C-alpha atoms as a PDB file:
ATOM      1  CA  MET A   1     -22.457  36.349  48.622  1.00  0.00           C
ATOM      2  CA  ALA A   2     -24.791  34.777  51.160  1.00  0.00           C
ATOM      3  CA  LEU A   3     -25.925  36.308  54.418  1.00  0.00           C
ATOM      4  CA  GLU A   4     -25.878  33.837  57.263  1.00  0.00           C
ATOM      5  CA  ALA A   5     -26.659  34.342  60.918  1.00  0.00           C
ATOM      6  CA  ASP A   6     -26.726  32.124  63.945  1.00  0.00           C
ATOM      7  CA  ARG A   7     -30.158  32.872  65.409  1.00  0.00           C
ATOM      8  CA  GLY A   8     -29.229  31.204  68.681  1.00  0.00           C
ATOM      9  CA  ALA A   9     -26.192  33.448  69.075  1.00  0.00           C
ATOM     10  CA  ILE A  10     -28.301  36.533  68.364  1.00  0.00           C
ATOM     11  CA  GLN A  11     -30.872  35.406  70.929  1.00  0.00           C
ATOM     12  CA  GLN A  12     -28.127  34.813  73.495  1.00  0.00           C
ATOM     13  CA  ALA A  13     -26.719  38.268  72.823  1.00  0.00           C
ATOM     14  CA  ALA A  14     -30.188  39.768  73.286  1.00  0.00           C
ATOM     15  CA  ALA A  15     -30.559  37.957  76.610  1.00  0.00           C
ATOM     16  CA  GLY A  16     -27.120  39.182  77.698  1.00  0.00           C
ATOM     17  CA  TRP A  17     -27.926  42.830  76.969  1.00  0.00           C
ATOM     18  CA  ALA A  18     -31.302  42.440  78.676  1.00  0.00           C
ATOM     19  CA  GLY A  19     -29.464  41.095  81.728  1.00  0.00           C
ATOM     20  CA  ILE A  20     -27.153  44.095  81.781  1.00  0.00           C
ATOM     21  CA  GLY A  21     -30.219  46.332  81.641  1.00  0.00           C
ATOM     22  CA  GLN A  22     -31.720  44.522  84.619  1.00  0.00           C
ATOM     23  CA  GLU A  23     -28.503  44.926  86.598  1.00  0.00           C
ATOM     24  CA  LEU A  24     -28.488  48.657  85.838  1.00  0.00           C
ATOM     25  CA  GLY A  25     -32.088  48.791  87.058  1.00  0.00           C
ATOM     26  CA  PHE A  26     -31.125  47.086  90.319  1.00  0.00           C
ATOM     27  CA  ALA A  27     -28.228  49.515  90.750  1.00  0.00           C
ATOM     28  CA  ARG A  28     -30.577  52.453  90.072  1.00  0.00           C
ATOM     29  CA  LEU A  29     -32.929  51.254  92.803  1.00  0.00           C
ATOM     30  CA  HIS A  30     -30.082  50.905  95.300  1.00  0.00           C
ATOM     31  CA  VAL A  31     -28.571  54.290  94.451  1.00  0.00           C
ATOM     32  CA  GLY A  32     -32.013  55.875  94.552  1.00  0.00           C
ATOM     33  CA  TYR A  33     -32.342  55.099  98.268  1.00  0.00           C
ATOM     34  CA  GLY A  34     -29.934  57.950  98.933  1.00  0.00           C
ATOM     35  CA  GLU A  35     -31.732  60.471  96.747  1.00  0.00           C
ATOM     36  CA  GLY A  36     -32.693  63.591  98.660  1.00  0.00           C
ATOM     37  CA  LYS A  37     -31.031  62.360 101.866  1.00  0.00           C
ATOM     38  CA  GLY A  38     -27.875  64.449 101.826  1.00  0.00           C
ATOM     39  CA  HIS A  39     -28.892  65.866 105.204  1.00  0.00           C
ATOM     40  CA  GLU A  40     -28.259  62.432 106.743  1.00  0.00           C
ATOM     41  CA  PHE A  41     -24.538  63.095 106.541  1.00  0.00           C
ATOM     42  CA  GLY A  42     -24.881  65.258 109.628  1.00  0.00           C
ATOM     43  CA  TRP A  43     -24.471  68.827 110.789  1.00  0.00           C
ATOM     44  CA  TYR A  44     -20.878  69.231 109.603  1.00  0.00           C
ATOM     45  CA  ALA A  45     -21.772  67.915 106.145  1.00  0.00           C
ATOM     46  CA  GLN A  46     -24.584  70.432 105.914  1.00  0.00           C
ATOM     47  CA  ARG A  47     -22.241  73.261 106.981  1.00  0.00           C
ATOM     48  CA  ALA A  48     -19.792  72.186 104.278  1.00  0.00           C
ATOM     49  CA  SER A  49     -22.654  71.926 101.717  1.00  0.00           C
ATOM     50  CA  ILE A  50     -21.846  68.289 101.098  1.00  0.00           C
ATOM     51  CA  ASP A  51     -25.503  67.423 101.595  1.00  0.00           C
ATOM     52  CA  SER A  52     -26.570  69.319  98.465  1.00  0.00           C
ATOM     53  CA  GLU A  53     -23.631  67.879  96.493  1.00  0.00           C
ATOM     54  CA  HIS A  54     -24.709  64.416  97.574  1.00  0.00           C
ATOM     55  CA  ASN A  55     -28.247  65.071  96.351  1.00  0.00           C
ATOM     56  CA  THR A  56     -26.950  66.363  93.007  1.00  0.00           C
ATOM     57  CA  PHE A  57     -24.675  63.337  92.600  1.00  0.00           C
ATOM     58  CA  ILE A  58     -27.371  60.794  93.464  1.00  0.00           C
ATOM     59  CA  THR A  59     -29.881  62.447  91.131  1.00  0.00           C
ATOM     60  CA  ALA A  60     -27.338  62.392  88.281  1.00  0.00           C
ATOM     61  CA  MET A  61     -26.413  58.759  88.975  1.00  0.00           C
ATOM     62  CA  THR A  62     -30.061  57.704  89.078  1.00  0.00           C
ATOM     63  CA  ALA A  63     -30.729  59.420  85.741  1.00  0.00           C
ATOM     64  CA  ALA A  64     -27.627  57.875  84.146  1.00  0.00           C
ATOM     65  CA  LEU A  65     -28.499  54.383  85.359  1.00  0.00           C
ATOM     66  CA  GLU A  66     -32.073  54.753  84.147  1.00  0.00           C
ATOM     67  CA  ALA A  67     -30.881  55.893  80.712  1.00  0.00           C
ATOM     68  CA  GLY A  68     -28.471  52.950  80.544  1.00  0.00           C
ATOM     69  CA  GLU A  69     -31.206  50.545  81.586  1.00  0.00           C
ATOM     70  CA  GLN A  70     -33.470  51.855  78.806  1.00  0.00           C
ATOM     71  CA  GLN A  71     -30.701  51.664  76.201  1.00  0.00           C
ATOM     72  CA  MET A  72     -29.822  48.081  77.123  1.00  0.00           C
ATOM     73  CA  ALA A  73     -33.492  47.084  76.967  1.00  0.00           C
ATOM     74  CA  ALA A  74     -33.787  48.736  73.545  1.00  0.00           C
ATOM     75  CA  LEU A  75     -30.670  46.966  72.262  1.00  0.00           C
ATOM     76  CA  ALA A  76     -31.912  43.627  73.579  1.00  0.00           C
ATOM     77  CA  GLY A  77     -35.274  44.205  71.929  1.00  0.00           C
ATOM     78  CA  MET A  78     -33.670  45.027  68.585  1.00  0.00           C
ATOM     79  CA  LEU A  79     -31.500  41.916  68.708  1.00  0.00           C
ATOM     80  CA  ALA A  80     -34.463  39.728  69.660  1.00  0.00           C
ATOM     81  CA  GLN A  81     -36.487  41.212  66.795  1.00  0.00           C
ATOM     82  CA  MET A  82     -33.597  40.632  64.399  1.00  0.00           C
ATOM     83  CA  ALA A  83     -33.369  36.977  65.442  1.00  0.00           C
ATOM     84  CA  GLU A  84     -37.117  36.613  64.998  1.00  0.00           C
ATOM     85  CA  GLU A  85     -36.970  38.191  61.553  1.00  0.00           C
ATOM     86  CA  PHE A  86     -34.116  35.925  60.477  1.00  0.00           C
ATOM     87  CA  GLY A  87     -36.252  32.964  61.528  1.00  0.00           C
ATOM     88  CA  ALA A  88     -39.287  34.290  59.688  1.00  0.00           C
ATOM     89  CA  LYS A  89     -37.262  34.912  56.543  1.00  0.00           C
ATOM     90  CA  ASP A  90     -35.798  31.405  56.677  1.00  0.00           C
ATOM     91  CA  ALA A  91     -39.269  29.872  57.078  1.00  0.00           C
ATOM     92  CA  ASP A  92     -40.723  32.121  54.362  1.00  0.00           C
ATOM     93  CA  VAL A  93     -37.981  31.183  51.905  1.00  0.00           C
ATOM     94  CA  ALA A  94     -38.329  27.493  52.763  1.00  0.00           C
ATOM     95  CA  ASP A  95     -42.106  27.605  52.233  1.00  0.00           C
ATOM     96  CA  ARG A  96     -41.736  29.287  48.866  1.00  0.00           C
ATOM     97  CA  PHE A  97     -39.020  26.847  47.825  1.00  0.00           C
ATOM     98  CA  HIS A  98     -41.178  23.828  48.629  1.00  0.00           C
ATOM     99  CA  GLN A  99     -44.278  25.248  46.945  1.00  0.00           C
ATOM    100  CA  LEU A 100     -42.863  26.114  43.568  1.00  0.00           C
ATOM    101  CA  GLU A 101     -45.338  26.105  40.743  1.00  0.00           C
ATOM    102  CA  THR A 102     -44.495  23.469  38.199  1.00  0.00           C
ATOM    103  CA  PRO A 103     -44.432  24.605  34.618  1.00  0.00           C
ATOM    104  CA  HIS A 104     -47.243  23.237  32.494  1.00  0.00           C
ATOM    105  CA  GLY A 105     -45.837  21.721  29.451  1.00  0.00           C
END
């Protein structure tokens, strides 16, 4: 059985996951603008305690988006490393194949 991989496809997958991570980072920045600003909902929102719920929600969303961003970056990094290692193994095997010692006879 032979193990084959399309390095280009792995690199494209890595770039795709990295892109998702960047999008999560952008979303985190946009959501973060509302962090700690529950009071901006107004007097009635404060009386109904919606302001503190808003702050709790935004803090949780920011943390979740940051965790997702980190996970996507880690996945992209692993895929990129895997593609690099496949390339190194291919080159290493090719070098050894072309530099075989000839038997002395």
